[in-house]
Amino acid sequence: MPQAANIVINDGLATPVSHTFVPIGQDKDGLFWFEEQGIAASTIGNYRLSVELRRPAPPPAGSTSKDRSYRFRLGIHTPILEVLSNNSAGYTPAPTIAYTPRVFVESVMPERSNLQNRKDQLAFTKNALADASIVAVMRDLQMIY
């Protein structure tokens, strides 16, 4: 089991900037959270990563691994703060999230899968996200035809 440690990921700027996500712990639903701290004007705007691994329930007697799977889910949450003006007499509005772009990557790994199957699944996922067609859909909002 890996110990929680900082995760460093570059953004998509022309000159990429590294973002460090610090482990902040597990919530009541079993998601482990990482947060980029001290970058946003308010903590409500901090970028976050969520990591979840759901194991199959303990098998009853006589069961097989046929329909049993592990489920891994990674979430990337990047809230964007609303640009608020200070038009009223000295009143500064509280920071407000305007919208939050999110990405979820989910992997369903049958219990009977072996290490090489899982290595392949990870490699395919990383390489698919780097493919020009997938980039055009996700980044440029172009449909595949």
N, C-alpha and C. Protein backbone atom coordinates (compact mmCIF):
# COMPACT_ATOMS: atom_id res chain seq x y z
N MET A 1 0.85 -1.17 0.00
CA MET A 1 0.00 0.00 0.00
C MET A 1 0.89 1.23 0.00
N PRO A 2 0.72 2.13 -1.00
CA PRO A 2 1.57 3.32 -1.04
C PRO A 2 1.17 4.31 0.05
N GLN A 3 2.17 4.93 0.63
CA GLN A 3 1.91 5.98 1.61
C GLN A 3 1.57 7.25 0.86
N ALA A 4 0.60 8.00 1.36
CA ALA A 4 0.21 9.26 0.73
C ALA A 4 1.40 10.20 0.70
N ALA A 5 1.65 10.76 -0.46
CA ALA A 5 2.74 11.72 -0.64
C ALA A 5 2.27 12.77 -1.64
N ASN A 6 2.98 13.88 -1.70
CA ASN A 6 2.64 14.93 -2.65
C ASN A 6 2.64 14.38 -4.08
N ILE A 7 1.71 14.88 -4.89
CA ILE A 7 1.64 14.54 -6.32
C ILE A 7 1.90 15.84 -7.08
N VAL A 8 2.87 15.81 -7.98
CA VAL A 8 3.22 17.01 -8.77
C VAL A 8 2.81 16.76 -10.22
N ILE A 9 1.98 17.68 -10.75
CA ILE A 9 1.47 17.56 -12.11
C ILE A 9 1.60 18.92 -12.79
N ASN A 10 2.06 18.90 -14.04
CA ASN A 10 2.15 20.15 -14.81
C ASN A 10 0.79 20.50 -15.40
N ASP A 11 0.55 21.81 -15.55
CA ASP A 11 -0.70 22.26 -16.17
C ASP A 11 -0.52 22.35 -17.68
N GLY A 12 -1.49 22.96 -18.36
CA GLY A 12 -1.48 23.01 -19.81
C GLY A 12 -1.03 24.33 -20.41
N LEU A 13 -0.36 25.17 -19.64
CA LEU A 13 0.13 26.45 -20.17
C LEU A 13 1.23 26.23 -21.20
N ALA A 14 1.46 27.23 -22.05
CA ALA A 14 2.52 27.13 -23.06
C ALA A 14 3.87 26.84 -22.39
N THR A 15 4.13 27.50 -21.28
CA THR A 15 5.26 27.16 -20.42
C THR A 15 4.66 26.52 -19.18
N PRO A 16 4.65 25.17 -19.11
CA PRO A 16 3.93 24.49 -18.03
C PRO A 16 4.40 24.90 -16.63
N VAL A 17 3.43 24.97 -15.74
CA VAL A 17 3.69 25.27 -14.33
C VAL A 17 3.37 24.01 -13.54
N SER A 18 4.25 23.65 -12.61
CA SER A 18 4.02 22.48 -11.76
C SER A 18 3.03 22.82 -10.65
N HIS A 19 2.11 21.93 -10.41
CA HIS A 19 1.14 22.07 -9.32
C HIS A 19 1.36 20.92 -8.36
N THR A 20 1.54 21.24 -7.08
CA THR A 20 1.79 20.23 -6.06
C THR A 20 0.51 20.00 -5.26
N PHE A 21 0.03 18.78 -5.31
CA PHE A 21 -1.17 18.38 -4.58
C PHE A 21 -0.73 17.64 -3.31
N VAL A 22 -1.14 18.19 -2.16
CA VAL A 22 -0.75 17.69 -0.85
C VAL A 22 -1.85 16.76 -0.33
N PRO A 23 -1.49 15.59 0.23
CA PRO A 23 -2.52 14.71 0.76
C PRO A 23 -3.24 15.36 1.94
N ILE A 24 -4.57 15.34 1.92
CA ILE A 24 -5.33 15.91 3.04
C ILE A 24 -6.18 14.87 3.75
N GLY A 25 -6.28 13.65 3.21
CA GLY A 25 -6.95 12.58 3.93
C GLY A 25 -8.17 12.03 3.23
N GLN A 26 -8.77 11.07 3.92
CA GLN A 26 -9.91 10.33 3.39
C GLN A 26 -11.21 10.91 3.92
N ASP A 27 -12.22 10.99 3.06
CA ASP A 27 -13.53 11.48 3.51
C ASP A 27 -14.41 10.31 3.93
N LYS A 28 -15.64 10.60 4.36
CA LYS A 28 -16.55 9.58 4.88
C LYS A 28 -16.97 8.56 3.82
N ASP A 29 -16.81 8.91 2.52
CA ASP A 29 -17.19 8.01 1.44
C ASP A 29 -16.04 7.15 0.94
N GLY A 30 -14.87 7.29 1.56
CA GLY A 30 -13.72 6.47 1.20
C GLY A 30 -12.82 7.06 0.13
N LEU A 31 -13.11 8.29 -0.32
CA LEU A 31 -12.24 8.94 -1.30
C LEU A 31 -11.06 9.56 -0.57
N PHE A 32 -9.87 9.39 -1.13
CA PHE A 32 -8.69 10.03 -0.57
C PHE A 32 -8.45 11.30 -1.37
N TRP A 33 -8.26 12.42 -0.68
CA TRP A 33 -8.16 13.74 -1.32
C TRP A 33 -6.76 14.32 -1.23
N PHE A 34 -6.36 14.97 -2.32
CA PHE A 34 -5.14 15.75 -2.40
C PHE A 34 -5.57 17.16 -2.80
N GLU A 35 -4.85 18.17 -2.29
CA GLU A 35 -5.25 19.55 -2.56
C GLU A 35 -4.02 20.40 -2.84
N GLU A 36 -4.14 21.25 -3.86
CA GLU A 36 -3.10 22.24 -4.11
C GLU A 36 -3.39 23.42 -3.19
N GLN A 37 -2.49 23.69 -2.27
CA GLN A 37 -2.77 24.68 -1.25
C GLN A 37 -1.99 25.97 -1.48
N GLY A 38 -2.62 27.10 -1.11
CA GLY A 38 -1.94 28.38 -1.13
C GLY A 38 -1.85 29.04 -2.49
N ILE A 39 -2.50 28.50 -3.50
CA ILE A 39 -2.43 29.09 -4.84
C ILE A 39 -3.63 30.00 -5.08
N ALA A 40 -4.83 29.53 -4.76
CA ALA A 40 -6.05 30.31 -4.99
C ALA A 40 -6.15 31.44 -3.98
N ALA A 41 -6.92 32.46 -4.34
CA ALA A 41 -7.13 33.60 -3.44
C ALA A 41 -7.84 33.17 -2.16
N SER A 42 -8.62 32.11 -2.25
CA SER A 42 -9.33 31.55 -1.11
C SER A 42 -9.28 30.03 -1.22
N THR A 43 -9.31 29.33 -0.10
CA THR A 43 -9.22 27.87 -0.14
C THR A 43 -10.38 27.24 -0.90
N ILE A 44 -11.50 27.95 -1.06
CA ILE A 44 -12.62 27.42 -1.83
C ILE A 44 -12.21 27.17 -3.28
N GLY A 45 -11.17 27.87 -3.76
CA GLY A 45 -10.72 27.73 -5.13
C GLY A 45 -9.56 26.77 -5.32
N ASN A 46 -9.14 26.07 -4.27
CA ASN A 46 -8.02 25.13 -4.40
C ASN A 46 -8.36 23.98 -5.34
N TYR A 47 -7.40 23.64 -6.20
CA TYR A 47 -7.55 22.46 -7.06
C TYR A 47 -7.43 21.21 -6.20
N ARG A 48 -8.14 20.16 -6.61
CA ARG A 48 -8.14 18.93 -5.82
C ARG A 48 -8.08 17.70 -6.72
N LEU A 49 -7.50 16.63 -6.18
CA LEU A 49 -7.53 15.30 -6.80
C LEU A 49 -8.25 14.37 -5.84
N SER A 50 -9.07 13.48 -6.36
CA SER A 50 -9.69 12.45 -5.53
C SER A 50 -9.28 11.09 -6.07
N VAL A 51 -9.01 10.16 -5.17
CA VAL A 51 -8.60 8.81 -5.54
C VAL A 51 -9.46 7.83 -4.76
N GLU A 52 -9.99 6.85 -5.49
CA GLU A 52 -10.87 5.87 -4.85
C GLU A 52 -10.55 4.48 -5.39
N LEU A 53 -10.50 3.50 -4.51
CA LEU A 53 -10.37 2.10 -4.91
C LEU A 53 -11.44 1.32 -4.15
N ARG A 54 -12.36 0.76 -4.89
CA ARG A 54 -13.40 -0.08 -4.29
C ARG A 54 -13.08 -1.53 -4.57
N ARG A 55 -12.97 -2.28 -3.48
CA ARG A 55 -12.67 -3.70 -3.58
C ARG A 55 -13.98 -4.49 -3.64
N PRO A 56 -13.95 -5.66 -4.26
CA PRO A 56 -15.17 -6.48 -4.23
C PRO A 56 -15.47 -6.92 -2.80
N ALA A 57 -16.74 -7.11 -2.50
CA ALA A 57 -17.14 -7.56 -1.16
C ALA A 57 -16.59 -8.97 -0.89
N PRO A 58 -16.44 -9.32 0.38
CA PRO A 58 -15.98 -10.68 0.68
C PRO A 58 -16.89 -11.71 0.00
N PRO A 59 -16.30 -12.69 -0.67
CA PRO A 59 -17.12 -13.64 -1.41
C PRO A 59 -17.79 -14.66 -0.49
N PRO A 60 -19.06 -14.97 -0.79
CA PRO A 60 -19.71 -16.04 -0.03
C PRO A 60 -19.18 -17.41 -0.49
N ALA A 61 -19.42 -18.42 0.31
CA ALA A 61 -18.96 -19.77 -0.01
C ALA A 61 -19.48 -20.20 -1.38
N GLY A 62 -18.61 -20.83 -2.17
CA GLY A 62 -19.00 -21.36 -3.46
C GLY A 62 -18.99 -20.35 -4.59
N SER A 63 -18.63 -19.10 -4.32
CA SER A 63 -18.65 -18.09 -5.38
C SER A 63 -17.37 -18.17 -6.22
N THR A 64 -17.41 -17.58 -7.41
CA THR A 64 -16.24 -17.52 -8.29
C THR A 64 -15.89 -16.05 -8.53
N SER A 65 -14.78 -15.83 -9.20
CA SER A 65 -14.37 -14.46 -9.48
C SER A 65 -14.99 -13.93 -10.78
N LYS A 66 -15.90 -14.69 -11.37
CA LYS A 66 -16.47 -14.34 -12.68
C LYS A 66 -17.00 -12.92 -12.76
N ASP A 67 -17.80 -12.49 -11.81
CA ASP A 67 -18.42 -11.16 -11.87
C ASP A 67 -17.90 -10.20 -10.81
N ARG A 68 -16.71 -10.45 -10.30
CA ARG A 68 -16.16 -9.63 -9.23
C ARG A 68 -15.08 -8.72 -9.79
N SER A 69 -15.13 -7.43 -9.42
CA SER A 69 -14.16 -6.47 -9.97
C SER A 69 -13.74 -5.44 -8.92
N TYR A 70 -12.51 -4.97 -9.08
CA TYR A 70 -12.03 -3.79 -8.37
C TYR A 70 -12.40 -2.59 -9.23
N ARG A 71 -12.69 -1.46 -8.61
CA ARG A 71 -12.99 -0.23 -9.35
C ARG A 71 -12.08 0.88 -8.82
N PHE A 72 -11.31 1.44 -9.74
CA PHE A 72 -10.43 2.57 -9.43
C PHE A 72 -11.02 3.80 -10.08
N ARG A 73 -11.04 4.92 -9.38
CA ARG A 73 -11.55 6.17 -9.95
C ARG A 73 -10.66 7.32 -9.49
N LEU A 74 -10.19 8.08 -10.47
CA LEU A 74 -9.40 9.28 -10.22
C LEU A 74 -10.23 10.47 -10.65
N GLY A 75 -10.32 11.47 -9.81
CA GLY A 75 -11.03 12.71 -10.15
C GLY A 75 -10.09 13.89 -10.07
N ILE A 76 -10.20 14.79 -11.04
CA ILE A 76 -9.43 16.03 -11.05
C ILE A 76 -10.45 17.16 -11.03
N HIS A 77 -10.40 18.00 -10.01
CA HIS A 77 -11.39 19.05 -9.78
C HIS A 77 -10.66 20.39 -9.76
N THR A 78 -11.02 21.29 -10.69
CA THR A 78 -10.32 22.57 -10.80
C THR A 78 -11.32 23.72 -10.76
N PRO A 79 -11.77 24.11 -9.55
CA PRO A 79 -12.76 25.18 -9.46
C PRO A 79 -12.20 26.52 -9.96
N ILE A 80 -13.07 27.27 -10.62
CA ILE A 80 -12.72 28.59 -11.12
C ILE A 80 -13.55 29.61 -10.34
N LEU A 81 -12.88 30.58 -9.73
CA LEU A 81 -13.58 31.57 -8.93
C LEU A 81 -14.25 32.62 -9.81
N GLU A 82 -15.41 33.05 -9.38
CA GLU A 82 -16.14 34.12 -10.07
C GLU A 82 -15.36 35.41 -9.91
N VAL A 83 -15.34 36.21 -10.97
CA VAL A 83 -14.72 37.53 -10.89
C VAL A 83 -15.80 38.48 -10.38
N LEU A 84 -15.60 38.96 -9.16
CA LEU A 84 -16.59 39.82 -8.52
C LEU A 84 -16.05 41.24 -8.41
N SER A 85 -16.91 42.20 -8.64
CA SER A 85 -16.47 43.59 -8.52
C SER A 85 -16.82 44.11 -7.14
N ASN A 86 -16.13 45.13 -6.75
CA ASN A 86 -16.32 45.75 -5.45
C ASN A 86 -17.03 47.09 -5.66
N ASN A 87 -18.28 47.03 -6.14
CA ASN A 87 -19.01 48.25 -6.50
C ASN A 87 -19.70 48.91 -5.32
N SER A 88 -19.99 48.16 -4.29
CA SER A 88 -20.70 48.76 -3.17
C SER A 88 -19.71 49.37 -2.19
N ALA A 89 -20.18 50.29 -1.41
CA ALA A 89 -19.35 51.11 -0.52
C ALA A 89 -18.46 50.26 0.40
N GLY A 90 -17.31 49.83 -0.12
CA GLY A 90 -16.33 49.14 0.70
C GLY A 90 -16.64 47.68 0.98
N TYR A 91 -17.72 47.15 0.45
CA TYR A 91 -18.09 45.75 0.70
C TYR A 91 -17.36 44.86 -0.29
N THR A 92 -16.59 43.90 0.21
CA THR A 92 -15.92 42.93 -0.64
C THR A 92 -16.69 41.62 -0.56
N PRO A 93 -17.25 41.16 -1.69
CA PRO A 93 -18.01 39.92 -1.67
C PRO A 93 -17.13 38.72 -1.35
N ALA A 94 -17.73 37.71 -0.75
CA ALA A 94 -17.01 36.47 -0.44
C ALA A 94 -16.63 35.76 -1.73
N PRO A 95 -15.47 35.08 -1.76
CA PRO A 95 -15.09 34.32 -2.94
C PRO A 95 -16.19 33.31 -3.28
N THR A 96 -16.49 33.19 -4.57
CA THR A 96 -17.56 32.32 -5.03
C THR A 96 -17.05 31.50 -6.21
N ILE A 97 -17.37 30.22 -6.23
CA ILE A 97 -17.00 29.38 -7.36
C ILE A 97 -17.95 29.66 -8.51
N ALA A 98 -17.41 29.99 -9.67
CA ALA A 98 -18.22 30.23 -10.87
C ALA A 98 -18.59 28.90 -11.52
N TYR A 99 -17.61 28.02 -11.66
CA TYR A 99 -17.82 26.70 -12.24
C TYR A 99 -16.61 25.83 -11.91
N THR A 100 -16.76 24.51 -12.08
CA THR A 100 -15.67 23.59 -11.77
C THR A 100 -15.50 22.57 -12.88
N PRO A 101 -14.48 22.73 -13.72
CA PRO A 101 -14.16 21.66 -14.68
C PRO A 101 -13.69 20.42 -13.90
N ARG A 102 -14.16 19.26 -14.35
CA ARG A 102 -13.79 18.00 -13.68
C ARG A 102 -13.46 16.94 -14.73
N VAL A 103 -12.55 16.06 -14.37
CA VAL A 103 -12.23 14.89 -15.18
C VAL A 103 -12.32 13.69 -14.25
N PHE A 104 -12.95 12.62 -14.74
CA PHE A 104 -12.99 11.37 -14.00
C PHE A 104 -12.45 10.26 -14.90
N VAL A 105 -11.53 9.49 -14.37
CA VAL A 105 -11.01 8.32 -15.07
C VAL A 105 -11.38 7.13 -14.20
N GLU A 106 -12.09 6.19 -14.78
CA GLU A 106 -12.52 5.01 -14.02
C GLU A 106 -11.99 3.76 -14.69
N SER A 107 -11.50 2.86 -13.89
CA SER A 107 -10.98 1.60 -14.37
C SER A 107 -11.70 0.47 -13.64
N VAL A 108 -12.21 -0.47 -14.40
CA VAL A 108 -12.85 -1.65 -13.82
C VAL A 108 -11.92 -2.83 -14.09
N MET A 109 -11.39 -3.38 -13.03
CA MET A 109 -10.41 -4.46 -13.14
C MET A 109 -10.98 -5.74 -12.55
N PRO A 110 -11.33 -6.71 -13.40
CA PRO A 110 -11.86 -7.96 -12.87
C PRO A 110 -10.89 -8.57 -11.85
N GLU A 111 -11.45 -9.17 -10.85
CA GLU A 111 -10.64 -9.75 -9.78
C GLU A 111 -9.64 -10.77 -10.33
N ARG A 112 -10.00 -11.43 -11.40
CA ARG A 112 -9.10 -12.46 -11.95
C ARG A 112 -8.04 -11.87 -12.87
N SER A 113 -8.03 -10.54 -13.09
CA SER A 113 -7.00 -9.93 -13.95
C SER A 113 -5.64 -10.10 -13.29
N ASN A 114 -4.61 -10.19 -14.15
CA ASN A 114 -3.26 -10.33 -13.60
C ASN A 114 -2.51 -9.00 -13.70
N LEU A 115 -1.31 -8.96 -13.18
CA LEU A 115 -0.53 -7.74 -13.15
C LEU A 115 -0.32 -7.17 -14.55
N GLN A 116 -0.03 -8.03 -15.53
CA GLN A 116 0.20 -7.54 -16.89
C GLN A 116 -1.08 -6.92 -17.46
N ASN A 117 -2.25 -7.49 -17.17
CA ASN A 117 -3.51 -6.89 -17.62
C ASN A 117 -3.65 -5.47 -17.07
N ARG A 118 -3.31 -5.29 -15.79
CA ARG A 118 -3.45 -3.98 -15.16
C ARG A 118 -2.39 -3.00 -15.67
N LYS A 119 -1.18 -3.48 -15.94
CA LYS A 119 -0.15 -2.63 -16.54
C LYS A 119 -0.60 -2.15 -17.92
N ASP A 120 -1.17 -3.06 -18.72
CA ASP A 120 -1.65 -2.70 -20.05
C ASP A 120 -2.76 -1.66 -19.95
N GLN A 121 -3.68 -1.86 -19.02
CA GLN A 121 -4.80 -0.93 -18.86
C GLN A 121 -4.30 0.46 -18.51
N LEU A 122 -3.33 0.56 -17.63
CA LEU A 122 -2.75 1.85 -17.27
C LEU A 122 -2.05 2.49 -18.47
N ALA A 123 -1.25 1.72 -19.19
CA ALA A 123 -0.53 2.25 -20.36
C ALA A 123 -1.51 2.71 -21.43
N PHE A 124 -2.55 1.92 -21.70
CA PHE A 124 -3.54 2.32 -22.70
C PHE A 124 -4.23 3.62 -22.29
N THR A 125 -4.54 3.76 -21.01
CA THR A 125 -5.21 4.97 -20.53
C THR A 125 -4.33 6.19 -20.72
N LYS A 126 -3.07 6.10 -20.26
CA LYS A 126 -2.15 7.24 -20.40
C LYS A 126 -1.95 7.60 -21.86
N ASN A 127 -1.75 6.60 -22.71
CA ASN A 127 -1.49 6.86 -24.11
C ASN A 127 -2.73 7.35 -24.85
N ALA A 128 -3.90 6.87 -24.48
CA ALA A 128 -5.14 7.34 -25.12
C ALA A 128 -5.36 8.82 -24.81
N LEU A 129 -5.08 9.24 -23.58
CA LEU A 129 -5.26 10.64 -23.22
C LEU A 129 -4.28 11.55 -23.94
N ALA A 130 -3.16 11.00 -24.45
CA ALA A 130 -2.18 11.78 -25.19
C ALA A 130 -2.44 11.73 -26.71
N ASP A 131 -3.36 10.89 -27.17
CA ASP A 131 -3.65 10.75 -28.59
C ASP A 131 -4.27 12.03 -29.15
N ALA A 132 -3.87 12.40 -30.37
CA ALA A 132 -4.33 13.65 -30.98
C ALA A 132 -5.86 13.70 -31.11
N SER A 133 -6.50 12.60 -31.44
CA SER A 133 -7.97 12.60 -31.57
C SER A 133 -8.64 12.87 -30.23
N ILE A 134 -8.15 12.23 -29.17
CA ILE A 134 -8.72 12.42 -27.84
C ILE A 134 -8.44 13.84 -27.36
N VAL A 135 -7.25 14.36 -27.63
CA VAL A 135 -6.91 15.74 -27.26
C VAL A 135 -7.85 16.71 -27.96
N ALA A 136 -8.13 16.49 -29.25
CA ALA A 136 -9.01 17.38 -30.00
C ALA A 136 -10.42 17.39 -29.41
N VAL A 137 -10.89 16.24 -28.95
CA VAL A 137 -12.23 16.18 -28.35
C VAL A 137 -12.23 16.88 -27.00
N MET A 138 -11.28 16.54 -26.12
CA MET A 138 -11.30 17.07 -24.76
C MET A 138 -10.88 18.53 -24.68
N ARG A 139 -9.81 18.89 -25.35
CA ARG A 139 -9.30 20.25 -25.24
C ARG A 139 -10.01 21.22 -26.17
N ASP A 140 -10.23 20.79 -27.44
CA ASP A 140 -10.76 21.70 -28.46
C ASP A 140 -12.25 21.54 -28.70
N LEU A 141 -12.88 20.61 -27.99
CA LEU A 141 -14.33 20.35 -28.09
C LEU A 141 -14.75 20.02 -29.52
N GLN A 142 -13.91 19.26 -30.22
CA GLN A 142 -14.22 18.81 -31.58
C GLN A 142 -14.72 17.38 -31.53
N MET A 143 -15.81 17.11 -32.25
CA MET A 143 -16.34 15.76 -32.28
C MET A 143 -15.54 14.89 -33.25
N ILE A 144 -15.48 13.62 -32.95
CA ILE A 144 -14.87 12.65 -33.86
C ILE A 144 -15.92 12.32 -34.92
N TYR A 145 -15.51 12.28 -36.17
CA TYR A 145 -16.45 11.94 -37.24
C TYR A 145 -15.94 10.78 -38.06
